[in-house]
Amino acid sequence: MGRNIFAFCFVLSLLCGCCSSLGCKWIKDDLYKPTSKETMILLKHMGEEFVKERAHMHIPPKAYKMHKHTKLGDNVFEVYEAFLNISKIFNLNQDSVTTWNRTALDIFRNNLYRQTKELKSCMQEMKYSDNRRSTEVKTLESYFKKLEHFLENKNYSARAWEVIRIQVQDNLERMDRFTAHIRTHMMDNSNI
């Protein structure tokens, strides 16, 4: 009986070790790239070609940048938090957005979910600085809250959604470049 439990635990630990290492493969093996590209293309083609109204909100200048005081886990956490916030926004009231292709919107949301899930898996095996909830992450959260308030103040109008779509598109492009930098550092270091 004791040997069976030992064998079961040994096999289970091998399986858990195997599965947990898959999370970082999402970034290391560039598996995020096709999903990221598809997500950006879907968002780009979802909206109208021209929007007059602009939000007076800018992505925080220190967001999506490598910093000396952070570890790779902190950077992955920042991207993860951004995806969570974008997902939250795209689950708000979209009744007024009648021009968006609903199938494309569903695929877009599924891609956001997948990226969030894969990044969460990757984070489980990463190293973090003492304060993972850095100023950059808090500033990003505040920025995304402003986007939510903008939508709310504009009664979730189609024009407001177009402004948000453009803001999110800019975020996704920056996040894509940032994740490429993270990948480069992962390949160069064993700091995960």
N, C-alpha and C. Protein backbone atom coordinates (compact mmCIF):
# COMPACT_ATOMS: atom_id res chain seq x y z
N MET A 1 0.82 -1.19 0.00
CA MET A 1 0.00 0.00 0.00
C MET A 1 0.87 1.26 0.00
N GLY A 2 1.92 1.25 0.82
CA GLY A 2 2.82 2.40 0.92
C GLY A 2 3.51 2.68 -0.40
N ARG A 3 3.91 1.60 -1.13
CA ARG A 3 4.57 1.79 -2.42
C ARG A 3 3.59 2.37 -3.44
N ASN A 4 2.32 1.94 -3.37
CA ASN A 4 1.33 2.45 -4.32
C ASN A 4 1.11 3.94 -4.12
N ILE A 5 1.03 4.36 -2.87
CA ILE A 5 0.84 5.79 -2.58
C ILE A 5 2.07 6.56 -3.05
N PHE A 6 3.27 6.01 -2.77
CA PHE A 6 4.50 6.67 -3.20
C PHE A 6 4.53 6.79 -4.72
N ALA A 7 4.20 5.71 -5.41
CA ALA A 7 4.19 5.72 -6.88
C ALA A 7 3.17 6.73 -7.41
N PHE A 8 1.99 6.75 -6.78
CA PHE A 8 0.95 7.69 -7.20
C PHE A 8 1.43 9.14 -7.01
N CYS A 9 2.03 9.43 -5.85
CA CYS A 9 2.54 10.78 -5.58
C CYS A 9 3.66 11.15 -6.55
N PHE A 10 4.53 10.18 -6.84
CA PHE A 10 5.62 10.44 -7.78
C PHE A 10 5.08 10.78 -9.16
N VAL A 11 4.14 9.99 -9.66
CA VAL A 11 3.54 10.25 -10.97
C VAL A 11 2.81 11.58 -10.97
N LEU A 12 2.08 11.85 -9.90
CA LEU A 12 1.35 13.11 -9.78
C LEU A 12 2.30 14.30 -9.79
N SER A 13 3.43 14.18 -9.08
CA SER A 13 4.40 15.29 -9.07
C SER A 13 5.01 15.50 -10.44
N LEU A 14 5.26 14.41 -11.18
CA LEU A 14 5.76 14.55 -12.55
C LEU A 14 4.75 15.26 -13.44
N LEU A 15 3.50 14.84 -13.31
CA LEU A 15 2.45 15.47 -14.11
C LEU A 15 2.30 16.95 -13.77
N CYS A 16 2.31 17.27 -12.49
CA CYS A 16 2.16 18.67 -12.07
C CYS A 16 3.35 19.49 -12.55
N GLY A 17 4.55 18.94 -12.44
CA GLY A 17 5.73 19.65 -12.91
C GLY A 17 5.69 19.88 -14.39
N CYS A 18 5.22 18.88 -15.13
CA CYS A 18 5.11 18.99 -16.58
C CYS A 18 4.11 20.07 -16.94
N CYS A 19 2.96 20.03 -16.32
CA CYS A 19 1.90 20.98 -16.66
C CYS A 19 2.25 22.39 -16.26
N SER A 20 2.93 22.55 -15.11
CA SER A 20 3.22 23.92 -14.69
C SER A 20 4.27 24.55 -15.58
N SER A 21 5.17 23.76 -16.17
CA SER A 21 6.17 24.34 -17.04
C SER A 21 5.57 24.76 -18.38
N LEU A 22 4.38 24.27 -18.70
CA LEU A 22 3.75 24.67 -19.94
C LEU A 22 3.36 26.15 -19.93
N GLY A 23 3.08 26.69 -18.76
CA GLY A 23 2.64 28.08 -18.68
C GLY A 23 3.64 29.05 -19.29
N CYS A 24 4.91 28.90 -18.99
CA CYS A 24 5.91 29.81 -19.53
C CYS A 24 6.21 29.52 -20.99
N LYS A 25 5.86 28.37 -21.46
CA LYS A 25 6.02 28.10 -22.89
C LYS A 25 5.18 29.06 -23.71
N TRP A 26 4.10 29.55 -23.11
CA TRP A 26 3.23 30.52 -23.78
C TRP A 26 4.04 31.72 -24.25
N ILE A 27 4.99 32.16 -23.41
CA ILE A 27 5.84 33.29 -23.79
C ILE A 27 7.14 32.81 -24.43
N LYS A 28 7.83 31.88 -23.77
CA LYS A 28 9.14 31.43 -24.26
C LYS A 28 9.08 30.89 -25.69
N ASP A 29 8.08 30.08 -25.98
CA ASP A 29 8.00 29.46 -27.30
C ASP A 29 7.20 30.30 -28.29
N ASP A 30 6.93 31.55 -27.90
CA ASP A 30 6.24 32.49 -28.79
C ASP A 30 4.83 32.03 -29.15
N LEU A 31 4.20 31.25 -28.27
CA LEU A 31 2.85 30.78 -28.53
C LEU A 31 1.83 31.90 -28.39
N TYR A 32 2.18 32.93 -27.64
CA TYR A 32 1.26 34.06 -27.46
C TYR A 32 1.11 34.87 -28.74
N LYS A 33 2.13 34.85 -29.58
CA LYS A 33 2.17 35.74 -30.75
C LYS A 33 0.99 35.56 -31.70
N PRO A 34 0.64 34.34 -32.12
CA PRO A 34 -0.51 34.22 -33.04
C PRO A 34 -1.83 34.70 -32.43
N THR A 35 -2.04 34.40 -31.15
CA THR A 35 -3.26 34.83 -30.48
C THR A 35 -3.26 36.35 -30.34
N SER A 36 -2.13 36.91 -29.99
CA SER A 36 -2.01 38.36 -29.85
C SER A 36 -2.28 39.05 -31.19
N LYS A 37 -1.69 38.52 -32.23
CA LYS A 37 -1.89 39.11 -33.57
C LYS A 37 -3.36 39.05 -33.98
N GLU A 38 -3.98 37.89 -33.78
CA GLU A 38 -5.40 37.74 -34.13
C GLU A 38 -6.27 38.69 -33.32
N THR A 39 -5.96 38.84 -32.03
CA THR A 39 -6.72 39.73 -31.16
C THR A 39 -6.65 41.17 -31.66
N MET A 40 -5.46 41.61 -32.04
CA MET A 40 -5.30 42.98 -32.54
C MET A 40 -6.01 43.18 -33.88
N ILE A 41 -5.94 42.19 -34.74
CA ILE A 41 -6.62 42.29 -36.04
C ILE A 41 -8.13 42.35 -35.86
N LEU A 42 -8.65 41.49 -34.99
CA LEU A 42 -10.10 41.50 -34.72
C LEU A 42 -10.55 42.86 -34.21
N LEU A 43 -9.81 43.41 -33.27
CA LEU A 43 -10.19 44.69 -32.69
C LEU A 43 -10.10 45.81 -33.73
N LYS A 44 -9.08 45.76 -34.55
CA LYS A 44 -8.90 46.79 -35.58
C LYS A 44 -10.07 46.80 -36.55
N HIS A 45 -10.49 45.63 -36.99
CA HIS A 45 -11.55 45.53 -38.00
C HIS A 45 -12.95 45.59 -37.41
N MET A 46 -13.04 45.57 -36.11
CA MET A 46 -14.35 45.58 -35.45
C MET A 46 -15.00 46.95 -35.54
N GLY A 47 -14.20 48.00 -35.55
CA GLY A 47 -14.75 49.34 -35.42
C GLY A 47 -14.84 50.11 -36.71
N GLU A 48 -15.30 51.34 -36.54
CA GLU A 48 -15.42 52.25 -37.67
C GLU A 48 -14.04 52.77 -38.05
N GLU A 49 -13.95 53.31 -39.26
CA GLU A 49 -12.65 53.78 -39.73
C GLU A 49 -12.25 55.12 -39.13
N PHE A 50 -13.20 55.97 -38.78
CA PHE A 50 -12.87 57.31 -38.31
C PHE A 50 -13.70 57.65 -37.08
N VAL A 51 -13.04 58.13 -36.07
CA VAL A 51 -13.72 58.55 -34.85
C VAL A 51 -13.26 59.97 -34.55
N LYS A 52 -14.21 60.88 -34.43
CA LYS A 52 -13.87 62.28 -34.14
C LYS A 52 -13.54 62.47 -32.66
N GLU A 53 -14.29 61.81 -31.83
CA GLU A 53 -14.13 61.99 -30.39
C GLU A 53 -12.91 61.21 -29.90
N ARG A 54 -12.18 61.82 -29.01
CA ARG A 54 -11.01 61.17 -28.41
C ARG A 54 -11.12 61.26 -26.89
N ALA A 55 -10.63 60.26 -26.25
CA ALA A 55 -10.56 60.30 -24.79
C ALA A 55 -9.30 61.05 -24.41
N HIS A 56 -9.37 61.83 -23.40
CA HIS A 56 -8.19 62.57 -22.94
C HIS A 56 -7.48 61.76 -21.87
N MET A 57 -7.27 60.51 -22.20
CA MET A 57 -6.58 59.60 -21.29
C MET A 57 -5.44 58.96 -22.07
N HIS A 58 -4.32 58.87 -21.42
CA HIS A 58 -3.16 58.29 -22.08
C HIS A 58 -2.65 57.13 -21.26
N ILE A 59 -2.09 56.17 -21.95
CA ILE A 59 -1.48 55.05 -21.26
C ILE A 59 -0.35 55.61 -20.40
N PRO A 60 -0.28 55.20 -19.14
CA PRO A 60 0.79 55.71 -18.27
C PRO A 60 2.17 55.50 -18.91
N PRO A 61 3.03 56.51 -18.85
CA PRO A 61 4.32 56.44 -19.54
C PRO A 61 5.23 55.29 -19.09
N LYS A 62 5.12 54.87 -17.83
CA LYS A 62 5.99 53.79 -17.36
C LYS A 62 5.41 52.40 -17.58
N ALA A 63 4.21 52.35 -18.12
CA ALA A 63 3.56 51.05 -18.34
C ALA A 63 4.24 50.31 -19.49
N TYR A 64 4.26 49.00 -19.36
CA TYR A 64 4.78 48.11 -20.41
C TYR A 64 6.24 48.40 -20.74
N LYS A 65 7.02 48.65 -19.71
CA LYS A 65 8.45 48.88 -19.89
C LYS A 65 9.21 48.06 -18.86
N MET A 66 10.39 47.61 -19.25
CA MET A 66 11.24 46.88 -18.33
C MET A 66 11.87 47.89 -17.36
N HIS A 67 11.89 47.54 -16.08
CA HIS A 67 12.46 48.41 -15.07
C HIS A 67 13.53 47.64 -14.30
N LYS A 68 14.55 48.34 -13.87
CA LYS A 68 15.66 47.71 -13.16
C LYS A 68 15.21 47.01 -11.88
N HIS A 69 14.27 47.60 -11.17
CA HIS A 69 13.87 47.08 -9.86
C HIS A 69 12.85 45.94 -9.94
N THR A 70 12.46 45.55 -11.12
CA THR A 70 11.44 44.50 -11.23
C THR A 70 12.05 43.21 -11.76
N LYS A 71 11.39 42.14 -11.46
CA LYS A 71 11.77 40.83 -11.99
C LYS A 71 10.82 40.49 -13.13
N LEU A 72 11.16 39.48 -13.88
CA LEU A 72 10.32 39.10 -15.02
C LEU A 72 8.89 38.76 -14.59
N GLY A 73 8.75 38.17 -13.43
CA GLY A 73 7.41 37.85 -12.93
C GLY A 73 6.57 39.09 -12.74
N ASP A 74 7.21 40.19 -12.30
CA ASP A 74 6.48 41.46 -12.14
C ASP A 74 5.97 41.96 -13.49
N ASN A 75 6.80 41.79 -14.51
CA ASN A 75 6.41 42.23 -15.85
C ASN A 75 5.26 41.39 -16.40
N VAL A 76 5.33 40.09 -16.19
CA VAL A 76 4.25 39.21 -16.64
C VAL A 76 2.97 39.55 -15.88
N PHE A 77 3.11 39.83 -14.59
CA PHE A 77 1.96 40.22 -13.78
C PHE A 77 1.32 41.50 -14.32
N GLU A 78 2.12 42.44 -14.76
CA GLU A 78 1.61 43.70 -15.32
C GLU A 78 0.78 43.43 -16.57
N VAL A 79 1.27 42.57 -17.45
CA VAL A 79 0.53 42.23 -18.68
C VAL A 79 -0.74 41.48 -18.32
N TYR A 80 -0.63 40.56 -17.37
CA TYR A 80 -1.79 39.80 -16.90
C TYR A 80 -2.88 40.75 -16.38
N GLU A 81 -2.49 41.68 -15.53
CA GLU A 81 -3.44 42.64 -14.97
C GLU A 81 -4.08 43.48 -16.07
N ALA A 82 -3.31 43.86 -17.07
CA ALA A 82 -3.86 44.64 -18.19
C ALA A 82 -4.90 43.82 -18.94
N PHE A 83 -4.61 42.55 -19.20
CA PHE A 83 -5.59 41.69 -19.87
C PHE A 83 -6.85 41.53 -19.04
N LEU A 84 -6.69 41.39 -17.73
CA LEU A 84 -7.87 41.30 -16.86
C LEU A 84 -8.74 42.55 -16.97
N ASN A 85 -8.11 43.71 -16.95
CA ASN A 85 -8.85 44.97 -17.04
C ASN A 85 -9.51 45.14 -18.40
N ILE A 86 -8.83 44.77 -19.46
CA ILE A 86 -9.41 44.86 -20.81
C ILE A 86 -10.60 43.92 -20.92
N SER A 87 -10.45 42.72 -20.38
CA SER A 87 -11.56 41.76 -20.39
C SER A 87 -12.76 42.31 -19.64
N LYS A 88 -12.49 42.94 -18.51
CA LYS A 88 -13.57 43.52 -17.71
C LYS A 88 -14.31 44.59 -18.51
N ILE A 89 -13.57 45.44 -19.19
CA ILE A 89 -14.19 46.50 -20.00
C ILE A 89 -15.05 45.90 -21.10
N PHE A 90 -14.54 44.87 -21.76
CA PHE A 90 -15.27 44.29 -22.88
C PHE A 90 -16.40 43.36 -22.45
N ASN A 91 -16.64 43.29 -21.16
CA ASN A 91 -17.82 42.60 -20.66
C ASN A 91 -18.87 43.57 -20.15
N LEU A 92 -18.63 44.87 -20.38
CA LEU A 92 -19.61 45.89 -20.00
C LEU A 92 -20.69 45.98 -21.08
N ASN A 93 -21.68 46.81 -20.85
CA ASN A 93 -22.82 46.99 -21.74
C ASN A 93 -22.40 47.40 -23.14
N GLN A 94 -22.66 46.55 -24.11
CA GLN A 94 -22.31 46.85 -25.50
C GLN A 94 -23.54 46.87 -26.40
N ASP A 95 -24.70 47.12 -25.83
CA ASP A 95 -25.95 47.12 -26.60
C ASP A 95 -25.95 48.17 -27.71
N SER A 96 -25.28 49.29 -27.49
CA SER A 96 -25.30 50.37 -28.47
C SER A 96 -24.34 50.13 -29.64
N VAL A 97 -23.48 49.16 -29.51
CA VAL A 97 -22.50 48.90 -30.56
C VAL A 97 -23.09 47.90 -31.56
N THR A 98 -23.94 48.41 -32.42
CA THR A 98 -24.62 47.54 -33.37
C THR A 98 -23.78 47.27 -34.62
N THR A 99 -22.75 48.08 -34.86
CA THR A 99 -21.94 47.90 -36.06
C THR A 99 -20.86 46.83 -35.90
N TRP A 100 -20.57 46.43 -34.66
CA TRP A 100 -19.53 45.44 -34.46
C TRP A 100 -20.04 44.05 -34.79
N ASN A 101 -19.22 43.29 -35.42
CA ASN A 101 -19.53 41.91 -35.75
C ASN A 101 -19.49 41.09 -34.45
N ARG A 102 -20.63 40.52 -34.09
CA ARG A 102 -20.73 39.81 -32.80
C ARG A 102 -19.87 38.55 -32.75
N THR A 103 -19.71 37.89 -33.88
CA THR A 103 -18.86 36.70 -33.92
C THR A 103 -17.41 37.11 -33.66
N ALA A 104 -16.97 38.18 -34.32
CA ALA A 104 -15.61 38.68 -34.11
C ALA A 104 -15.42 39.11 -32.66
N LEU A 105 -16.43 39.76 -32.09
CA LEU A 105 -16.37 40.19 -30.70
C LEU A 105 -16.23 39.00 -29.76
N ASP A 106 -16.97 37.93 -30.03
CA ASP A 106 -16.87 36.72 -29.20
C ASP A 106 -15.49 36.09 -29.31
N ILE A 107 -14.94 36.03 -30.51
CA ILE A 107 -13.59 35.48 -30.70
C ILE A 107 -12.58 36.36 -29.97
N PHE A 108 -12.75 37.68 -30.08
CA PHE A 108 -11.88 38.63 -29.40
C PHE A 108 -11.91 38.37 -27.89
N ARG A 109 -13.10 38.26 -27.33
CA ARG A 109 -13.22 38.00 -25.88
C ARG A 109 -12.59 36.66 -25.50
N ASN A 110 -12.79 35.64 -26.33
CA ASN A 110 -12.18 34.33 -26.05
C ASN A 110 -10.66 34.43 -26.07
N ASN A 111 -10.12 35.22 -27.00
CA ASN A 111 -8.67 35.42 -27.05
C ASN A 111 -8.17 36.12 -25.80
N LEU A 112 -8.92 37.12 -25.33
CA LEU A 112 -8.54 37.80 -24.09
C LEU A 112 -8.52 36.80 -22.93
N TYR A 113 -9.55 35.96 -22.87
CA TYR A 113 -9.64 34.95 -21.81
C TYR A 113 -8.45 33.99 -21.89
N ARG A 114 -8.14 33.54 -23.09
CA ARG A 114 -7.03 32.59 -23.25
C ARG A 114 -5.71 33.22 -22.82
N GLN A 115 -5.47 34.46 -23.26
CA GLN A 115 -4.22 35.12 -22.89
C GLN A 115 -4.13 35.30 -21.37
N THR A 116 -5.23 35.66 -20.76
CA THR A 116 -5.25 35.83 -19.31
C THR A 116 -4.96 34.50 -18.61
N LYS A 117 -5.61 33.45 -19.08
CA LYS A 117 -5.43 32.12 -18.48
C LYS A 117 -3.98 31.64 -18.64
N GLU A 118 -3.41 31.80 -19.82
CA GLU A 118 -2.04 31.36 -20.06
C GLU A 118 -1.03 32.16 -19.23
N LEU A 119 -1.26 33.47 -19.13
CA LEU A 119 -0.35 34.29 -18.32
C LEU A 119 -0.46 33.93 -16.84
N LYS A 120 -1.66 33.64 -16.39
CA LYS A 120 -1.84 33.24 -14.98
C LYS A 120 -1.08 31.94 -14.72
N SER A 121 -1.15 31.02 -15.65
CA SER A 121 -0.42 29.76 -15.53
C SER A 121 1.08 30.02 -15.48
N CYS A 122 1.55 30.90 -16.33
CA CYS A 122 2.97 31.23 -16.37
C CYS A 122 3.43 31.87 -15.07
N MET A 123 2.59 32.72 -14.50
CA MET A 123 2.95 33.44 -13.28
C MET A 123 3.19 32.51 -12.10
N GLN A 124 2.60 31.35 -12.12
CA GLN A 124 2.72 30.44 -10.98
C GLN A 124 4.14 29.96 -10.74
N GLU A 125 4.99 30.06 -11.75
CA GLU A 125 6.36 29.57 -11.58
C GLU A 125 7.40 30.67 -11.69
N MET A 126 6.97 31.92 -11.60
CA MET A 126 7.90 33.03 -11.77
C MET A 126 8.31 33.63 -10.43
N LYS A 127 9.41 34.36 -10.46
CA LYS A 127 9.89 35.07 -9.28
C LYS A 127 9.42 36.52 -9.36
N TYR A 128 9.11 37.08 -8.19
CA TYR A 128 8.60 38.45 -8.11
C TYR A 128 9.44 39.25 -7.15
N SER A 129 9.40 40.56 -7.31
CA SER A 129 10.03 41.42 -6.31
C SER A 129 9.12 41.42 -5.08
N ASP A 130 9.57 42.05 -4.03
CA ASP A 130 8.79 42.05 -2.78
C ASP A 130 7.42 42.68 -2.96
N ASN A 131 7.33 43.69 -3.81
CA ASN A 131 6.05 44.37 -4.01
C ASN A 131 5.59 44.18 -5.45
N ARG A 132 4.87 43.09 -5.69
CA ARG A 132 4.40 42.77 -7.03
C ARG A 132 3.43 43.83 -7.55
N ARG A 133 2.63 44.38 -6.67
CA ARG A 133 1.65 45.40 -7.07
C ARG A 133 2.36 46.76 -7.14
N SER A 134 3.22 46.86 -8.13
CA SER A 134 4.06 48.04 -8.28
C SER A 134 3.25 49.28 -8.63
N THR A 135 3.94 50.39 -8.61
CA THR A 135 3.33 51.66 -9.00
C THR A 135 2.81 51.56 -10.43
N GLU A 136 3.55 50.88 -11.30
CA GLU A 136 3.13 50.74 -12.70
C GLU A 136 1.78 50.02 -12.80
N VAL A 137 1.61 48.95 -12.04
CA VAL A 137 0.36 48.18 -12.07
C VAL A 137 -0.78 49.01 -11.49
N LYS A 138 -0.52 49.70 -10.39
CA LYS A 138 -1.57 50.54 -9.79
C LYS A 138 -1.96 51.68 -10.72
N THR A 139 -0.99 52.27 -11.40
CA THR A 139 -1.28 53.35 -12.35
C THR A 139 -2.08 52.82 -13.53
N LEU A 140 -1.74 51.63 -13.99
CA LEU A 140 -2.50 51.02 -15.09
C LEU A 140 -3.94 50.75 -14.66
N GLU A 141 -4.12 50.23 -13.43
CA GLU A 141 -5.48 49.98 -12.94
C GLU A 141 -6.29 51.27 -12.91
N SER A 142 -5.66 52.35 -12.49
CA SER A 142 -6.33 53.64 -12.45
C SER A 142 -6.71 54.09 -13.87
N TYR A 143 -5.81 53.89 -14.80
CA TYR A 143 -6.07 54.23 -16.21
C TYR A 143 -7.28 53.46 -16.74
N PHE A 144 -7.32 52.16 -16.48
CA PHE A 144 -8.45 51.35 -16.96
C PHE A 144 -9.76 51.74 -16.28
N LYS A 145 -9.67 52.15 -15.02
CA LYS A 145 -10.87 52.65 -14.33
C LYS A 145 -11.39 53.91 -15.03
N LYS A 146 -10.48 54.77 -15.47
CA LYS A 146 -10.88 55.98 -16.20
C LYS A 146 -11.59 55.60 -17.50
N LEU A 147 -11.11 54.57 -18.17
CA LEU A 147 -11.77 54.12 -19.39
C LEU A 147 -13.19 53.63 -19.08
N GLU A 148 -13.33 52.89 -17.99
CA GLU A 148 -14.66 52.42 -17.59
C GLU A 148 -15.59 53.60 -17.28
N HIS A 149 -15.06 54.59 -16.55
CA HIS A 149 -15.87 55.76 -16.21
C HIS A 149 -16.24 56.56 -17.46
N PHE A 150 -15.33 56.62 -18.41
CA PHE A 150 -15.61 57.30 -19.67
C PHE A 150 -16.81 56.64 -20.36
N LEU A 151 -16.78 55.31 -20.44
CA LEU A 151 -17.91 54.59 -21.04
C LEU A 151 -19.21 54.86 -20.30
N GLU A 152 -19.13 54.79 -18.99
CA GLU A 152 -20.32 55.02 -18.16
C GLU A 152 -20.86 56.43 -18.35
N ASN A 153 -19.98 57.42 -18.33
CA ASN A 153 -20.41 58.82 -18.50
C ASN A 153 -20.99 59.09 -19.88
N LYS A 154 -20.58 58.31 -20.87
CA LYS A 154 -21.09 58.47 -22.23
C LYS A 154 -22.25 57.50 -22.50
N ASN A 155 -22.76 56.90 -21.43
CA ASN A 155 -23.89 55.95 -21.52
C ASN A 155 -23.62 54.79 -22.48
N TYR A 156 -22.38 54.35 -22.51
CA TYR A 156 -21.99 53.19 -23.33
C TYR A 156 -22.38 53.38 -24.80
N SER A 157 -22.28 54.61 -25.28
CA SER A 157 -22.66 54.91 -26.66
C SER A 157 -21.70 54.24 -27.65
N ALA A 158 -22.14 54.11 -28.87
CA ALA A 158 -21.30 53.51 -29.92
C ALA A 158 -20.02 54.33 -30.11
N ARG A 159 -20.14 55.65 -30.07
CA ARG A 159 -18.95 56.51 -30.20
C ARG A 159 -17.98 56.29 -29.04
N ALA A 160 -18.51 56.16 -27.84
CA ALA A 160 -17.65 55.92 -26.68
C ALA A 160 -16.92 54.59 -26.83
N TRP A 161 -17.63 53.58 -27.32
CA TRP A 161 -16.99 52.28 -27.53
C TRP A 161 -15.89 52.37 -28.58
N GLU A 162 -16.08 53.22 -29.58
CA GLU A 162 -15.03 53.40 -30.59
C GLU A 162 -13.78 54.02 -29.97
N VAL A 163 -13.99 54.99 -29.08
CA VAL A 163 -12.85 55.60 -28.38
C VAL A 163 -12.13 54.53 -27.56
N ILE A 164 -12.89 53.72 -26.86
CA ILE A 164 -12.31 52.65 -26.03
C ILE A 164 -11.60 51.63 -26.91
N ARG A 165 -12.21 51.29 -28.04
CA ARG A 165 -11.58 50.34 -28.96
C ARG A 165 -10.20 50.82 -29.39
N ILE A 166 -10.09 52.10 -29.70
CA ILE A 166 -8.80 52.66 -30.12
C ILE A 166 -7.81 52.65 -28.96
N GLN A 167 -8.27 53.00 -27.76
CA GLN A 167 -7.40 52.98 -26.58
C GLN A 167 -6.89 51.55 -26.31
N VAL A 168 -7.79 50.59 -26.39
CA VAL A 168 -7.41 49.19 -26.13
C VAL A 168 -6.47 48.68 -27.22
N GLN A 169 -6.72 49.09 -28.44
CA GLN A 169 -5.84 48.68 -29.54
C GLN A 169 -4.41 49.16 -29.28
N ASP A 170 -4.27 50.40 -28.83
CA ASP A 170 -2.96 50.94 -28.50
C ASP A 170 -2.33 50.13 -27.36
N ASN A 171 -3.12 49.79 -26.34
CA ASN A 171 -2.62 48.96 -25.24
C ASN A 171 -2.14 47.61 -25.74
N LEU A 172 -2.94 46.95 -26.57
CA LEU A 172 -2.57 45.62 -27.05
C LEU A 172 -1.27 45.66 -27.86
N GLU A 173 -1.09 46.69 -28.65
CA GLU A 173 0.15 46.82 -29.42
C GLU A 173 1.35 46.99 -28.50
N ARG A 174 1.20 47.81 -27.47
CA ARG A 174 2.29 48.01 -26.51
C ARG A 174 2.54 46.74 -25.70
N MET A 175 1.47 46.06 -25.32
CA MET A 175 1.61 44.82 -24.56
C MET A 175 2.31 43.76 -25.40
N ASP A 176 2.03 43.73 -26.68
CA ASP A 176 2.67 42.77 -27.58
C ASP A 176 4.18 43.02 -27.64
N ARG A 177 4.57 44.28 -27.78
CA ARG A 177 6.00 44.61 -27.81
C ARG A 177 6.65 44.29 -26.46
N PHE A 178 5.96 44.62 -25.38
CA PHE A 178 6.47 44.37 -24.03
C PHE A 178 6.66 42.87 -23.80
N THR A 179 5.70 42.08 -24.23
CA THR A 179 5.81 40.63 -24.06
C THR A 179 6.97 40.08 -24.89
N ALA A 180 7.24 40.67 -26.05
CA ALA A 180 8.41 40.26 -26.84
C ALA A 180 9.70 40.55 -26.07
N HIS A 181 9.75 41.69 -25.37
CA HIS A 181 10.91 42.01 -24.53
C HIS A 181 11.03 41.02 -23.38
N ILE A 182 9.90 40.68 -22.77
CA ILE A 182 9.91 39.71 -21.67
C ILE A 182 10.47 38.38 -22.19
N ARG A 183 10.00 37.96 -23.36
CA ARG A 183 10.47 36.70 -23.96
C ARG A 183 11.97 36.73 -24.16
N THR A 184 12.48 37.85 -24.68
CA THR A 184 13.93 37.98 -24.91
C THR A 184 14.68 37.81 -23.60
N HIS A 185 14.19 38.46 -22.53
CA HIS A 185 14.85 38.34 -21.22
C HIS A 185 14.72 36.93 -20.66
N MET A 186 13.60 36.27 -20.92
CA MET A 186 13.45 34.89 -20.45
C MET A 186 14.46 33.98 -21.14
N MET A 187 14.69 34.24 -22.41
CA MET A 187 15.62 33.40 -23.15
C MET A 187 17.06 33.66 -22.71
N ASP A 188 17.34 34.90 -22.29
CA ASP A 188 18.69 35.29 -21.86
C ASP A 188 18.99 34.92 -20.42
N ASN A 189 17.95 34.90 -19.58
CA ASN A 189 18.13 34.71 -18.13
C ASN A 189 17.46 33.44 -17.66
N SER A 190 17.80 33.09 -16.46
CA SER A 190 17.05 32.05 -15.77
C SER A 190 16.39 32.69 -14.56
N ASN A 191 15.94 33.94 -14.71
CA ASN A 191 15.38 34.74 -13.62
C ASN A 191 13.88 34.50 -13.45
N ILE A 192 13.41 33.32 -13.81
CA ILE A 192 11.97 33.04 -13.66
C ILE A 192 11.71 32.01 -12.61
